[in-house]
């Protein structure tokens, strides 16, 4: 699963980290 998170600040960063830890490919 690939997700793109742009400009969501701390909440977006935390979500991105969780997704990365879950093994998803995240592009910030």
PDB file of N, CA and C in Angstrom:
ATOM      1  N   UNK A   1       0.845  -1.195   0.000  1.00  0.00           N
ATOM      2  CA  UNK A   1       0.000   0.000   0.000  1.00  0.00           C
ATOM      3  C   UNK A   1       0.874   1.236   0.000  1.00  0.00           C
ATOM      4  N   UNK A   2       0.592   2.171  -0.895  1.00  0.00           N
ATOM      5  CA  UNK A   2       1.391   3.389  -0.978  1.00  0.00           C
ATOM      6  C   UNK A   2       0.526   4.591  -0.643  1.00  0.00           C
ATOM      7  N   UNK A   3       1.016   5.424   0.274  1.00  0.00           N
ATOM      8  CA  UNK A   3       0.264   6.603   0.696  1.00  0.00           C
ATOM      9  C   UNK A   3       1.111   7.850   0.543  1.00  0.00           C
ATOM     10  N   UNK A   4       0.483   8.943   0.170  1.00  0.00           N
ATOM     11  CA  UNK A   4       1.190  10.219   0.064  1.00  0.00           C
ATOM     12  C   UNK A   4       0.625  11.202   1.072  1.00  0.00           C
ATOM     13  N   UNK A   5       1.459  11.663   1.987  1.00  0.00           N
ATOM     14  CA  UNK A   5       1.015  12.609   3.012  1.00  0.00           C
ATOM     15  C   UNK A   5       1.840  13.877   2.878  1.00  0.00           C
ATOM     16  N   UNK A   6       1.171  14.988   2.577  1.00  0.00           N
ATOM     17  CA  UNK A   6       1.888  16.240   2.350  1.00  0.00           C
ATOM     18  C   UNK A   6       1.309  17.352   3.215  1.00  0.00           C
ATOM     19  N   UNK A   7       2.143  17.983   4.032  1.00  0.00           N
ATOM     20  CA  UNK A   7       1.754  19.184   4.756  1.00  0.00           C
ATOM     21  C   UNK A   7       0.691  18.979   5.814  1.00  0.00           C
ATOM     22  N   UNK A   8       0.732  17.853   6.529  1.00  0.00           N
ATOM     23  CA  UNK A   8      -0.269  17.628   7.572  1.00  0.00           C
ATOM     24  C   UNK A   8       0.283  17.937   8.960  1.00  0.00           C
ATOM     25  N   UNK A   9       1.520  18.404   9.005  1.00  0.00           N
ATOM     26  CA  UNK A   9       2.089  18.790  10.293  1.00  0.00           C
ATOM     27  C   UNK A   9       2.354  17.602  11.210  1.00  0.00           C
ATOM     28  N   UNK A  10       2.255  17.833  12.515  1.00  0.00           N
ATOM     29  CA  UNK A  10       2.601  16.791  13.491  1.00  0.00           C
ATOM     30  C   UNK A  10       1.688  15.583  13.370  1.00  0.00           C
ATOM     31  N   UNK A  11       0.385  15.823  13.221  1.00  0.00           N
ATOM     32  CA  UNK A  11      -0.549  14.698  13.120  1.00  0.00           C
ATOM     33  C   UNK A  11      -0.215  13.844  11.903  1.00  0.00           C
ATOM     34  N   UNK A  12       0.026  14.495  10.764  1.00  0.00           N
ATOM     35  CA  UNK A  12       0.382  13.766   9.552  1.00  0.00           C
ATOM     36  C   UNK A  12       1.677  12.992   9.750  1.00  0.00           C
ATOM     37  N   UNK A  13       2.637  13.623  10.422  1.00  0.00           N
ATOM     38  CA  UNK A  13       3.916  12.972  10.683  1.00  0.00           C
ATOM     39  C   UNK A  13       3.743  11.737  11.549  1.00  0.00           C
ATOM     40  N   UNK A  14       2.913  11.855  12.591  1.00  0.00           N
ATOM     41  CA  UNK A  14       2.673  10.714  13.478  1.00  0.00           C
ATOM     42  C   UNK A  14       1.981   9.586  12.730  1.00  0.00           C
ATOM     43  N   UNK A  15       1.004   9.942  11.902  1.00  0.00           N
ATOM     44  CA  UNK A  15       0.296   8.929  11.108  1.00  0.00           C
ATOM     45  C   UNK A  15       1.270   8.257  10.147  1.00  0.00           C
ATOM     46  N   UNK A  16       2.122   9.060   9.502  1.00  0.00           N
ATOM     47  CA  UNK A  16       3.091   8.520   8.553  1.00  0.00           C
ATOM     48  C   UNK A  16       4.025   7.544   9.260  1.00  0.00           C
ATOM     49  N   UNK A  17       4.474   7.916  10.468  1.00  0.00           N
ATOM     50  CA  UNK A  17       5.374   7.031  11.225  1.00  0.00           C
ATOM     51  C   UNK A  17       4.684   5.716  11.544  1.00  0.00           C
ATOM     52  N   UNK A  18       3.431   5.794  11.981  1.00  0.00           N
ATOM     53  CA  UNK A  18       2.698   4.573  12.320  1.00  0.00           C
ATOM     54  C   UNK A  18       2.551   3.686  11.100  1.00  0.00           C
ATOM     55  N   UNK A  19       2.220   4.290   9.956  1.00  0.00           N
ATOM     56  CA  UNK A  19       2.059   3.521   8.722  1.00  0.00           C
ATOM     57  C   UNK A  19       3.379   2.880   8.322  1.00  0.00           C
ATOM     58  N   UNK A  20       4.479   3.618   8.462  1.00  0.00           N
ATOM     59  CA  UNK A  20       5.794   3.079   8.108  1.00  0.00           C
ATOM     60  C   UNK A  20       6.127   1.903   9.021  1.00  0.00           C
ATOM     61  N   UNK A  21       5.789   2.030  10.315  1.00  0.00           N
ATOM     62  CA  UNK A  21       6.055   0.948  11.256  1.00  0.00           C
ATOM     63  C   UNK A  21       5.206  -0.271  10.916  1.00  0.00           C
ATOM     64  N   UNK A  22       4.046  -0.030  10.312  1.00  0.00           N
ATOM     65  CA  UNK A  22       3.163  -1.127   9.928  1.00  0.00           C
ATOM     66  C   UNK A  22       3.600  -1.765   8.617  1.00  0.00           C
ATOM     67  N   UNK A  23       4.619  -1.172   7.976  1.00  0.00           N
ATOM     68  CA  UNK A  23       5.170  -1.783   6.771  1.00  0.00           C
ATOM     69  C   UNK A  23       4.627  -1.192   5.481  1.00  0.00           C
ATOM     70  N   UNK A  24       3.972  -0.033   5.570  1.00  0.00           N
ATOM     71  CA  UNK A  24       3.466   0.613   4.365  1.00  0.00           C
ATOM     72  C   UNK A  24       4.551   1.514   3.784  1.00  0.00           C
ATOM     73  N   UNK A  25       4.450   1.779   2.497  1.00  0.00           N
ATOM     74  CA  UNK A  25       5.388   2.689   1.846  1.00  0.00           C
ATOM     75  C   UNK A  25       4.808   4.095   1.886  1.00  0.00           C
ATOM     76  N   UNK A  26       5.434   4.976   2.646  1.00  0.00           N
ATOM     77  CA  UNK A  26       4.897   6.316   2.847  1.00  0.00           C
ATOM     78  C   UNK A  26       5.825   7.358   2.257  1.00  0.00           C
ATOM     79  N   UNK A  27       5.269   8.266   1.469  1.00  0.00           N
ATOM     80  CA  UNK A  27       6.043   9.349   0.880  1.00  0.00           C
ATOM     81  C   UNK A  27       5.576  10.663   1.479  1.00  0.00           C
ATOM     82  N   UNK A  28       6.491  11.358   2.140  1.00  0.00           N
ATOM     83  CA  UNK A  28       6.139  12.626   2.781  1.00  0.00           C
ATOM     84  C   UNK A  28       6.706  13.763   1.944  1.00  0.00           C
TER      85      UNK A  28
END
